[in-house]
Amino acid sequence: MSFDKTEKTILLWTGGFIVVICVVALIGSSTSSPASQTSSAPIQYSTASDLPAKPDNSARDAYAKELEGHLLSRGLDATVRAIGKNHDTLRISWAAMSRPIVYNMMNGDGMRQQVPELGFKKVILTDDGSFSGGSAETWAYRWDGSSWKR
């Protein structure tokens, strides 16, 4: 079976679209209720009263490590770190990071509730340029006390 250039392009775009749909579904499932989470899920607090009294650097580091493990267990080769002087910036790097993925992640329950409650003030999402082979695409958000602002 031989494909011409147009058919190959269509196949590549279709395959890429399917990958993006699968990734969005996987990331969306990571924000489901705590009862449905597996042991590899990131830290899930059911209410604000379950959070550590005063989240510190080690709590933010632990969250980043568990979130990275959760994404890896779902087949996403992502690196997650709590960075900065007070470990209050959550940095998520993944080669296939894209606008739809960023949108879904930033609008998920974890980013809207748990991440700010743990004391994260900034979230940086990046592809580090490794997927495109060019310059890095990066999205940075700051917590304004009630929502994430780009």
Protein backbone atom coordinates (compact mmCIF):
# COMPACT_ATOMS: atom_id res chain seq x y z
CA MET A 1 0.00 0.00 0.00
CA SER A 2 1.45 3.33 -1.07
CA PHE A 3 0.35 6.80 0.04
CA ASP A 4 0.86 10.05 -1.83
CA LYS A 5 2.04 13.22 -0.06
CA THR A 6 -1.50 14.50 0.65
CA GLU A 7 -2.62 11.19 2.14
CA LYS A 8 0.49 11.06 4.35
CA THR A 9 -0.17 14.61 5.58
CA ILE A 10 -3.79 13.73 6.41
CA LEU A 11 -2.67 10.61 8.28
CA LEU A 12 -0.10 12.60 10.28
CA TRP A 13 -2.62 15.30 11.24
CA THR A 14 -5.24 12.69 12.16
CA GLY A 15 -2.73 10.81 14.32
CA GLY A 16 -1.65 14.02 16.03
CA PHE A 17 -5.26 15.00 16.68
CA ILE A 18 -5.98 11.60 18.24
CA VAL A 19 -2.92 11.96 20.52
CA VAL A 20 -4.10 15.40 21.69
CA ILE A 21 -7.62 14.07 22.40
CA CYS A 22 -6.17 11.18 24.44
CA VAL A 23 -3.89 13.49 26.43
CA VAL A 24 -6.73 15.89 27.22
CA ALA A 25 -8.84 12.94 28.38
CA LEU A 26 -6.01 11.67 30.61
CA ILE A 27 -5.38 15.07 32.15
CA GLY A 28 -9.10 15.61 32.65
CA SER A 29 -9.36 12.31 34.49
CA SER A 30 -6.69 13.47 36.94
CA THR A 31 -9.12 16.04 38.32
CA SER A 32 -11.87 13.54 39.18
CA SER A 33 -13.13 13.02 42.70
CA PRO A 34 -10.77 11.67 45.37
CA ALA A 35 -12.79 8.47 45.73
CA SER A 36 -12.04 7.51 42.13
CA GLN A 37 -8.30 8.18 42.36
CA THR A 38 -5.79 5.37 42.36
CA SER A 39 -2.81 5.18 44.65
CA SER A 40 -0.68 6.84 41.95
CA ALA A 41 -2.92 9.94 41.93
CA PRO A 42 -1.58 13.28 43.11
CA ILE A 43 -2.34 14.45 46.62
CA GLN A 44 -6.07 14.99 46.92
CA TYR A 45 -7.57 16.94 49.79
CA SER A 46 -11.35 16.70 50.09
CA THR A 47 -11.75 19.99 51.94
CA ALA A 48 -9.60 22.96 52.86
CA SER A 49 -9.53 21.66 56.44
CA ASP A 50 -7.63 18.55 55.21
CA LEU A 51 -4.73 20.70 53.97
CA PRO A 52 -1.67 21.08 56.17
CA ALA A 53 -2.22 23.95 58.64
CA LYS A 54 0.47 26.01 56.94
CA PRO A 55 1.70 24.43 53.70
CA ASP A 56 5.47 24.68 53.47
CA ASN A 57 8.19 23.97 50.93
CA SER A 58 8.16 20.24 51.67
CA ALA A 59 4.38 20.03 51.12
CA ARG A 60 4.73 21.78 47.75
CA ASP A 61 7.71 19.58 46.80
CA ALA A 62 5.69 16.47 47.72
CA TYR A 63 2.73 17.64 45.64
CA ALA A 64 4.99 18.24 42.60
CA LYS A 65 6.61 14.81 43.00
CA GLU A 66 3.26 13.03 43.29
CA LEU A 67 1.77 14.96 40.35
CA GLU A 68 4.78 13.97 38.24
CA GLY A 69 4.31 10.32 39.24
CA HIS A 70 0.61 10.55 38.41
CA LEU A 71 1.32 11.95 34.94
CA LEU A 72 4.07 9.37 34.31
CA SER A 73 1.71 6.55 35.34
CA ARG A 74 -0.69 7.82 32.67
CA GLY A 75 2.01 7.71 29.98
CA LEU A 76 2.94 11.41 29.98
CA ASP A 77 6.69 12.00 30.14
CA ALA A 78 6.33 15.21 32.15
CA THR A 79 8.67 16.83 34.64
CA VAL A 80 7.00 18.61 37.57
CA ARG A 81 8.93 20.70 40.07
CA ALA A 82 8.24 23.19 42.84
CA ILE A 83 10.79 25.92 42.12
CA GLY A 84 11.73 29.35 43.41
CA LYS A 85 13.02 30.66 46.70
CA ASN A 86 9.92 29.49 48.59
CA HIS A 87 9.09 26.60 46.23
CA ASP A 88 5.92 28.53 45.34
CA THR A 89 6.13 28.13 41.56
CA LEU A 90 4.82 24.91 40.04
CA ARG A 91 6.67 24.14 36.79
CA ILE A 92 5.30 21.45 34.48
CA SER A 93 7.38 20.60 31.43
CA TRP A 94 6.18 18.18 28.78
CA ALA A 95 7.36 17.89 25.18
CA ALA A 96 3.81 17.87 23.75
CA MET A 97 2.44 20.77 25.84
CA SER A 98 -0.03 22.76 23.76
CA ARG A 99 -2.69 25.45 24.13
CA PRO A 100 -5.63 23.02 24.55
CA ILE A 101 -3.72 21.03 27.16
CA VAL A 102 -2.75 24.20 29.03
CA TYR A 103 -6.36 25.38 28.96
CA ASN A 104 -7.67 22.09 30.36
CA MET A 105 -4.98 21.88 33.03
CA MET A 106 -5.47 25.46 34.22
CA ASN A 107 -9.24 25.00 34.40
CA GLY A 108 -9.08 21.68 36.26
CA ASP A 109 -10.12 21.40 39.91
CA GLY A 110 -6.56 20.79 41.10
CA MET A 111 -5.26 24.05 39.63
CA ARG A 112 -8.26 26.06 40.81
CA GLN A 113 -8.38 24.68 44.35
CA GLN A 114 -5.49 22.59 45.64
CA VAL A 115 -2.53 24.31 43.97
CA PRO A 116 -3.30 27.77 45.44
CA GLU A 117 -4.24 26.25 48.81
CA LEU A 118 -0.80 24.64 48.97
CA GLY A 119 0.75 28.09 48.59
CA PHE A 120 1.74 28.02 44.92
CA LYS A 121 1.65 31.57 43.54
CA LYS A 122 2.72 30.84 39.99
CA VAL A 123 2.34 28.01 37.46
CA ILE A 124 4.63 27.66 34.45
CA LEU A 125 3.73 25.18 31.72
CA THR A 126 6.27 24.60 28.95
CA ASP A 127 7.21 22.29 26.12
CA ASP A 128 10.88 23.34 26.36
CA GLY A 129 11.04 23.33 22.55
CA SER A 130 11.84 19.63 22.45
CA PHE A 131 8.71 18.66 20.48
CA SER A 132 8.80 21.39 17.87
CA GLY A 133 12.59 21.39 17.60
CA GLY A 134 12.48 25.16 17.83
CA SER A 135 11.99 27.71 20.53
CA ALA A 136 10.15 26.78 23.69
CA GLU A 137 6.47 27.54 24.07
CA THR A 138 5.75 28.65 27.63
CA TRP A 139 2.60 29.70 29.48
CA ALA A 140 2.93 31.45 32.85
CA TYR A 141 0.07 32.13 35.27
CA ARG A 142 -0.05 34.07 38.55
CA TRP A 143 -2.55 33.53 41.36
CA ASP A 144 -4.33 36.81 42.11
CA GLY A 145 -6.08 35.53 45.24
CA SER A 146 -9.16 34.23 43.45
CA SER A 147 -8.08 32.99 40.00
CA TRP A 148 -5.11 32.34 37.71
CA LYS A 149 -4.14 35.25 35.45
CA ARG A 150 -1.86 34.92 32.45
